[in-house]
Protein backbone atom coordinates (compact mmCIF):
# COMPACT_ATOMS: atom_id res chain seq x y z
CA UNK A 1 19.38 -26.66 6.05
CA UNK A 2 19.36 -25.62 9.75
CA UNK A 3 18.15 -27.91 12.24
CA UNK A 4 14.39 -27.96 12.79
CA UNK A 5 13.62 -26.81 16.23
CA UNK A 6 11.09 -29.25 18.09
CA UNK A 7 7.81 -27.73 18.80
CA UNK A 8 6.89 -27.76 22.47
CA UNK A 9 3.33 -27.24 23.70
CA UNK A 10 2.69 -24.30 25.85
CA UNK A 11 1.57 -24.70 29.30
CA UNK A 12 -1.57 -24.00 31.01
CA UNK A 13 -0.95 -19.95 31.31
CA UNK A 14 -0.75 -19.91 27.43
CA UNK A 15 -4.05 -21.69 27.06
CA UNK A 16 -5.68 -19.25 29.36
CA UNK A 17 -4.36 -16.34 27.46
CA UNK A 18 -6.40 -17.11 24.34
CA UNK A 19 -9.08 -15.25 25.81
CA UNK A 20 -7.23 -12.03 26.19
CA UNK A 21 -5.20 -9.85 23.67
CA UNK A 22 -1.53 -10.54 23.63
CA UNK A 23 0.53 -7.67 23.27
CA UNK A 24 3.38 -7.07 21.17
CA UNK A 25 6.85 -7.19 23.12
CA UNK A 26 10.58 -7.70 21.97
CA UNK A 27 11.17 -10.91 20.25
CA UNK A 28 13.54 -12.19 23.07
CA UNK A 29 11.42 -11.05 25.83
CA UNK A 30 9.30 -13.66 27.79
CA UNK A 31 5.72 -13.87 26.19
CA UNK A 32 3.08 -12.03 28.08
CA UNK A 33 1.00 -15.03 27.95
CA UNK A 34 2.80 -16.56 30.69
CA UNK A 35 4.15 -19.56 29.18
CA UNK A 36 7.48 -19.05 29.94
CA UNK A 37 8.87 -19.03 26.47
CA UNK A 38 10.41 -16.21 24.36
CA UNK A 39 7.78 -14.19 22.64
CA UNK A 40 9.31 -15.03 18.95
CA UNK A 41 8.89 -18.74 19.97
CA UNK A 42 5.28 -18.29 21.17
CA UNK A 43 2.67 -15.79 20.11
CA UNK A 44 5.17 -13.90 18.23
CA UNK A 45 5.32 -16.73 15.64
CA UNK A 46 1.99 -16.18 14.35
CA UNK A 47 2.45 -12.17 14.47
CA UNK A 48 5.56 -12.58 12.63
CA UNK A 49 4.02 -14.73 9.91
CA UNK A 50 0.92 -12.24 9.50
CA UNK A 51 3.27 -9.22 9.09
CA UNK A 52 5.59 -10.85 6.70
CA UNK A 53 3.13 -12.76 4.34
CA UNK A 54 3.13 -10.50 1.03
CA UNK A 55 -0.02 -8.88 -0.21
CA UNK A 56 0.24 -8.97 -3.91
CA UNK A 57 -2.01 -6.09 -4.58
CA UNK A 58 -1.97 -3.73 -1.60
CA UNK A 59 -3.87 -0.93 -3.54
CA UNK A 60 -6.59 -3.19 -4.84
CA UNK A 61 -9.92 -1.47 -3.98
CA UNK A 62 -8.66 2.06 -3.73
CA UNK A 63 -9.73 4.59 -6.34
CA UNK A 64 -6.71 5.24 -8.83
CA UNK A 65 -5.00 1.67 -7.85
CA UNK A 66 -2.80 2.44 -11.02
CA UNK A 67 -1.63 5.84 -10.07
CA UNK A 68 -1.11 4.60 -6.36
CA UNK A 69 1.43 1.93 -7.95
CA UNK A 70 3.13 4.52 -10.14
CA UNK A 71 3.56 7.00 -7.18
CA UNK A 72 5.24 4.13 -5.21
CA UNK A 73 7.55 2.84 -7.89
CA UNK A 74 7.81 5.35 -10.93
CA UNK A 75 7.32 9.03 -10.07
CA UNK A 76 9.87 10.77 -7.95
CA UNK A 77 7.93 13.96 -6.76
CA UNK A 78 4.11 13.89 -6.57
CA UNK A 79 1.45 14.52 -4.14
CA UNK A 80 -2.27 13.74 -4.00
CA UNK A 81 -4.98 14.73 -1.37
CA UNK A 82 -6.51 11.76 0.61
CA UNK A 83 -10.13 11.82 1.86
CA UNK A 84 -10.88 10.03 4.87
CA UNK A 85 -14.14 8.10 5.59
CA UNK A 86 -16.16 10.40 7.97
CA UNK A 87 -14.20 13.47 7.20
CA UNK A 88 -11.22 14.84 8.75
CA UNK A 89 -10.69 14.92 12.59
CA UNK A 90 -10.62 18.22 14.37
CA UNK A 91 -7.55 20.13 14.04
CA UNK A 92 -6.46 18.28 10.81
CA UNK A 93 -7.20 20.88 7.90
CA UNK A 94 -5.85 18.26 5.14
CA UNK A 95 -4.18 14.92 4.52
CA UNK A 96 -1.90 14.86 1.68
CA UNK A 97 -0.06 11.59 0.23
CA UNK A 98 3.58 12.46 -1.10
CA UNK A 99 5.90 10.14 -2.92
CA UNK A 100 8.63 10.91 -0.19
CA UNK A 101 9.38 13.21 2.77
CA UNK A 102 12.49 14.85 3.98
CA UNK A 103 14.72 12.72 6.14
CA UNK A 104 12.86 9.67 4.86
CA UNK A 105 10.23 10.28 7.43
CA UNK A 106 7.15 7.95 7.16
CA UNK A 107 4.94 10.97 7.91
CA UNK A 108 4.65 14.43 9.07
CA UNK A 109 2.23 16.42 11.16
CA UNK A 110 2.92 20.07 10.08
CA UNK A 111 2.89 23.07 12.29
CA UNK A 112 -0.78 23.93 11.10
CA UNK A 113 -2.20 20.43 11.88
CA UNK A 114 -2.02 19.09 8.25
CA UNK A 115 -0.63 15.69 7.59
CA UNK A 116 1.80 14.46 4.89
CA UNK A 117 2.13 10.62 4.48
CA UNK A 118 4.98 9.30 2.51
CA UNK A 119 4.41 6.47 -0.02
CA UNK A 120 7.97 5.26 -1.01
CA UNK A 121 9.30 4.21 2.54
CA UNK A 122 10.51 0.93 3.50
CA UNK A 123 7.84 -0.92 5.49
CA UNK A 124 7.86 -3.41 8.25
CA UNK A 125 5.34 -6.00 6.91
CA UNK A 126 4.17 -7.50 3.58
CA UNK A 127 0.97 -5.49 3.60
CA UNK A 128 2.01 -1.96 2.26
CA UNK A 129 -1.73 -0.91 2.88
CA UNK A 130 -1.70 -1.80 6.46
CA UNK A 131 1.82 -0.24 7.08
CA UNK A 132 0.69 3.13 5.63
CA UNK A 133 -2.53 3.11 7.37
CA UNK A 134 -0.96 2.43 10.87
CA UNK A 135 1.43 5.52 9.86
CA UNK A 136 -1.58 7.59 8.91
CA UNK A 137 -3.44 6.97 12.03
CA UNK A 138 -0.52 7.84 14.38
CA UNK A 139 0.05 11.10 12.05
CA UNK A 140 -3.37 12.30 12.73
CA UNK A 141 -2.70 12.27 16.64
CA UNK A 142 0.78 13.33 16.50
CA UNK A 143 1.81 16.53 18.08
CA UNK A 144 1.83 19.56 15.13
CA UNK A 145 5.40 20.11 14.03
CA UNK A 146 6.61 16.41 14.65
CA UNK A 147 7.57 13.76 12.12
CA UNK A 148 6.15 10.30 12.41
CA UNK A 149 8.59 7.24 12.43
CA UNK A 150 8.23 3.63 11.55
CA UNK A 151 7.18 0.84 13.80
CA UNK A 152 6.39 -2.66 13.74
CA UNK A 153 2.67 -2.73 12.74
CA UNK A 154 -0.11 -5.09 14.33
CA UNK A 155 -1.18 -7.84 12.27
CA UNK A 156 -4.94 -7.07 12.83
CA UNK A 157 -4.71 -3.26 12.27
CA UNK A 158 -6.76 -1.49 9.68
CA UNK A 159 -5.86 -0.94 6.08
CA UNK A 160 -5.85 2.08 3.60
CA UNK A 161 -9.22 0.52 2.35
CA UNK A 162 -10.65 0.95 5.84
CA UNK A 163 -9.54 4.58 6.29
CA UNK A 164 -10.08 6.18 2.88
CA UNK A 165 -13.15 7.27 1.13
CA UNK A 166 -13.08 5.11 -2.12
CA UNK A 167 -15.85 7.14 -3.62
CA UNK A 168 -13.53 10.60 -3.30
CA UNK A 169 -11.44 9.90 -6.20
CA UNK A 170 -7.56 10.15 -6.55
CA UNK A 171 -5.88 13.02 -8.14
CA UNK A 172 -2.06 12.89 -8.18
CA UNK A 173 -0.11 16.11 -9.03
CA UNK A 174 3.19 15.52 -10.42
CA UNK A 175 5.94 18.26 -9.42
CA UNK A 176 9.26 19.20 -10.98
CA UNK A 177 11.03 19.18 -7.48
CA UNK A 178 10.29 18.65 -3.79
CA UNK A 179 9.55 22.46 -2.84
CA UNK A 180 6.11 21.24 -1.51
CA UNK A 181 8.20 20.05 1.52
CA UNK A 182 8.49 23.50 2.57
CA UNK A 183 5.27 25.73 2.25
CA UNK A 184 5.32 29.17 1.84
CA UNK A 185 3.79 29.85 5.13
CA UNK A 186 6.90 28.22 6.83
CA UNK A 187 9.79 31.04 6.82
CA UNK A 188 12.76 28.39 6.21
CA UNK A 189 13.58 24.77 6.40
CA UNK A 190 15.85 23.42 8.88
CA UNK A 191 19.66 22.67 7.56
CA UNK A 192 18.84 19.14 7.43
CA UNK A 193 15.52 19.50 5.67
CA UNK A 194 17.35 21.82 3.18
CA UNK A 195 20.07 19.34 2.53
CA UNK A 196 17.42 16.59 1.92
CA UNK A 197 15.73 18.84 -0.51
CA UNK A 198 18.84 19.67 -2.28
CA UNK A 199 19.84 16.10 -2.79
CA UNK A 200 16.40 15.00 -3.69
CA UNK A 201 15.74 17.72 -6.37
CA UNK A 202 19.19 16.66 -7.93
CA UNK A 203 18.23 12.93 -8.25
CA UNK A 204 14.54 13.59 -9.53
CA UNK A 205 13.98 12.38 -13.06
CA UNK A 206 11.64 14.72 -15.14
CA UNK A 207 8.17 13.02 -15.04
CA UNK A 208 4.82 14.03 -16.50
CA UNK A 209 1.50 12.26 -16.10
CA UNK A 210 -0.59 11.98 -19.53
CA UNK A 211 -3.99 13.25 -19.29
CA UNK A 212 -6.59 11.39 -21.24
CA UNK A 213 -5.50 7.85 -20.12
CA UNK A 214 -5.03 6.10 -16.81
CA UNK A 215 -1.77 5.86 -14.96
CA UNK A 216 0.58 6.61 -17.87
CA UNK A 217 3.57 8.38 -17.11
CA UNK A 218 6.21 10.02 -19.36
CA UNK A 219 9.77 10.34 -18.06
CA UNK A 220 12.96 11.94 -19.64
CA UNK A 221 16.47 10.25 -19.32
CA UNK A 222 19.70 11.48 -20.84
CA UNK A 223 19.60 8.73 -23.49
CA UNK A 224 15.93 8.49 -24.37
CA UNK A 225 12.61 9.12 -23.05
CA UNK A 226 10.13 6.45 -21.81
CA UNK A 227 6.52 5.76 -21.25
CA UNK A 228 5.50 3.62 -18.54
CA UNK A 229 1.87 2.90 -18.08
CA UNK A 230 0.39 0.97 -15.35
CA UNK A 231 -2.58 -1.00 -16.50
CA UNK A 232 -5.25 -2.90 -14.19
CA UNK A 233 -6.14 -5.59 -16.61
CA UNK A 234 -5.34 -9.31 -15.68
CA UNK A 235 -1.85 -10.05 -16.56
CA UNK A 236 -2.54 -13.08 -18.91
CA UNK A 237 -5.31 -11.25 -20.57
CA UNK A 238 -3.03 -8.10 -21.19
CA UNK A 239 -0.23 -10.02 -22.32
CA UNK A 240 -2.40 -11.89 -25.11
CA UNK A 241 -3.70 -8.39 -26.23
CA UNK A 242 -0.14 -6.85 -26.31
CA UNK A 243 1.09 -9.90 -28.49
CA UNK A 244 -1.86 -9.39 -30.80
CA UNK A 245 -0.86 -5.81 -31.40
CA UNK A 246 2.84 -6.45 -31.45
CA UNK A 247 2.55 -9.28 -34.32
CA UNK A 248 0.14 -6.62 -36.12
CA UNK A 249 2.75 -4.22 -35.96
CA UNK A 250 0.40 -1.76 -33.83
CA UNK A 251 2.15 -1.89 -30.51
CA UNK A 252 4.21 1.25 -31.02
CA UNK A 253 3.32 4.99 -30.34
CA UNK A 254 4.55 6.31 -33.48
CA UNK A 255 7.87 6.60 -35.45
CA UNK A 256 10.84 5.94 -33.43
CA UNK A 257 9.06 4.49 -30.59
CA UNK A 258 9.03 0.93 -29.32
CA UNK A 259 7.32 -1.57 -26.91
CA UNK A 260 10.29 -2.87 -25.06
CA UNK A 261 8.78 -5.00 -22.60
CA UNK A 262 6.88 -4.83 -19.20
CA UNK A 263 7.36 -5.27 -15.53
CA UNK A 264 5.18 -6.35 -12.43
CA UNK A 265 4.43 -3.97 -9.68
CA UNK A 266 2.03 -4.64 -6.66
CA UNK A 267 0.09 -7.05 -8.72
CA UNK A 268 -0.08 -4.85 -11.97
CA UNK A 269 1.61 -4.74 -15.19
CA UNK A 270 3.50 -1.90 -16.57
CA UNK A 271 4.27 -1.81 -20.05
CA UNK A 272 7.28 0.44 -21.02
CA UNK A 273 7.67 2.36 -24.51
CA UNK A 274 11.31 3.55 -25.24
CA UNK A 275 10.47 7.08 -27.08
CA UNK A 276 13.13 9.33 -29.20
CA UNK A 277 14.63 12.11 -27.05
CA UNK A 278 12.77 14.74 -28.95
CA UNK A 279 9.39 13.23 -28.08
CA UNK A 280 7.95 15.02 -25.16
CA UNK A 281 5.06 14.42 -22.92
CA UNK A 282 2.54 16.35 -25.10
CA UNK A 283 3.76 14.39 -28.28
CA UNK A 284 2.70 11.33 -26.26
CA UNK A 285 -0.74 12.31 -25.51
CA UNK A 286 -2.52 11.49 -28.78
CA UNK A 287 -0.59 8.52 -29.65
CA UNK A 288 -1.32 6.99 -26.17
CA UNK A 289 -5.00 7.68 -26.55
CA UNK A 290 -5.04 6.01 -29.94
CA UNK A 291 -3.09 2.90 -28.40
CA UNK A 292 -5.77 2.86 -25.68
CA UNK A 293 -8.34 2.21 -28.35
CA UNK A 294 -6.26 -0.56 -30.07
CA UNK A 295 -5.95 -1.98 -26.71
CA UNK A 296 -9.30 -2.10 -25.94
CA UNK A 297 -10.25 -4.04 -29.23
CA UNK A 298 -7.50 -6.52 -28.55
CA UNK A 299 -8.68 -7.18 -25.06
CA UNK A 300 -11.98 -7.87 -26.26
CA UNK A 301 -10.61 -10.49 -28.95
CA UNK A 302 -11.10 -14.18 -27.78
CA UNK A 303 -9.63 -15.99 -30.82
CA UNK A 304 -6.70 -18.28 -30.09
CA UNK A 305 -3.41 -16.62 -30.67
CA UNK A 306 -1.57 -17.32 -34.02
CA UNK A 307 1.83 -18.79 -34.30
CA UNK A 308 3.14 -15.42 -34.78
CA UNK A 309 1.23 -13.89 -31.86
CA UNK A 310 2.33 -16.62 -29.68
CA UNK A 311 6.19 -15.92 -30.44
CA UNK A 312 5.48 -12.09 -29.79
CA UNK A 313 3.92 -13.08 -26.51
CA UNK A 314 6.86 -15.26 -25.63
CA UNK A 315 9.23 -12.18 -26.30
CA UNK A 316 7.14 -9.94 -24.20
CA UNK A 317 7.01 -12.41 -21.36
CA UNK A 318 10.92 -13.10 -21.53
CA UNK A 319 11.31 -9.32 -21.26
CA UNK A 320 9.30 -9.02 -17.89
CA UNK A 321 10.62 -8.31 -14.51
CA UNK A 322 8.93 -8.05 -10.94
CA UNK A 323 9.80 -5.07 -8.86
CA UNK A 324 7.56 -5.78 -6.03
């Protein structure tokens, strides 16, 4: 245990500064309030706590919350148009969410003024929604043809929920590669972008979004295929429902498939099924729709779990991991 630093009171200049906004400066610089203390030991203390406090469900309240989680954690290459409250600013023909961008840019203002916002970048605070909103705002006013870098985000800045039109829907498009980085209107990519594109395409796992059910994604790996399904239901209720189905032998998606567990990501549960190598995305569509009906019935059940169902629930719980 490190030594606990004594907390000293700030002098009068700090008290007077409460009536005005304190700008963000370097952690070791003098606090702008005039207290004579370093920023990190004065007003920076509250700011640091605000930006590191984890928001468990950063995408809650956005249309397609499950798909936001999937694009953040599961899908290599995908895009989705974003719709802003009040419409697009002048000179910005479109705003598009992308899983990743070349050179790991947080955002890019293209030559035509359109904006690409990357979802899978590292962020500076515990609120992914606030970080993305800050990057988006800066991208909207960036010079065309320039990338937007990361920065420390103000603790009181807007979140995506404040900027996006929740009634517009959210429709991701999954791509086989990252060619969307370089549109046809651009003659060629820079050597750096071309190299980044080649590396990204080589690492991308084939992934398909299933139609007919929400936020379910098939993916192909060398040994076996998988279905990963982001579900919005409360965790305890969902675990009970999956346990009921598992105990009844109704948790699979057909012959050779198996519910192997789940993980948590951004406050939601993501059940995972192992699939035979020969079971493609189209082969999953009807079994997934049938499972959704069985799950709805199990979610509606309110009887106490049987002993067998409790054992099944314990097995599912033991196989859970938390990604974020």
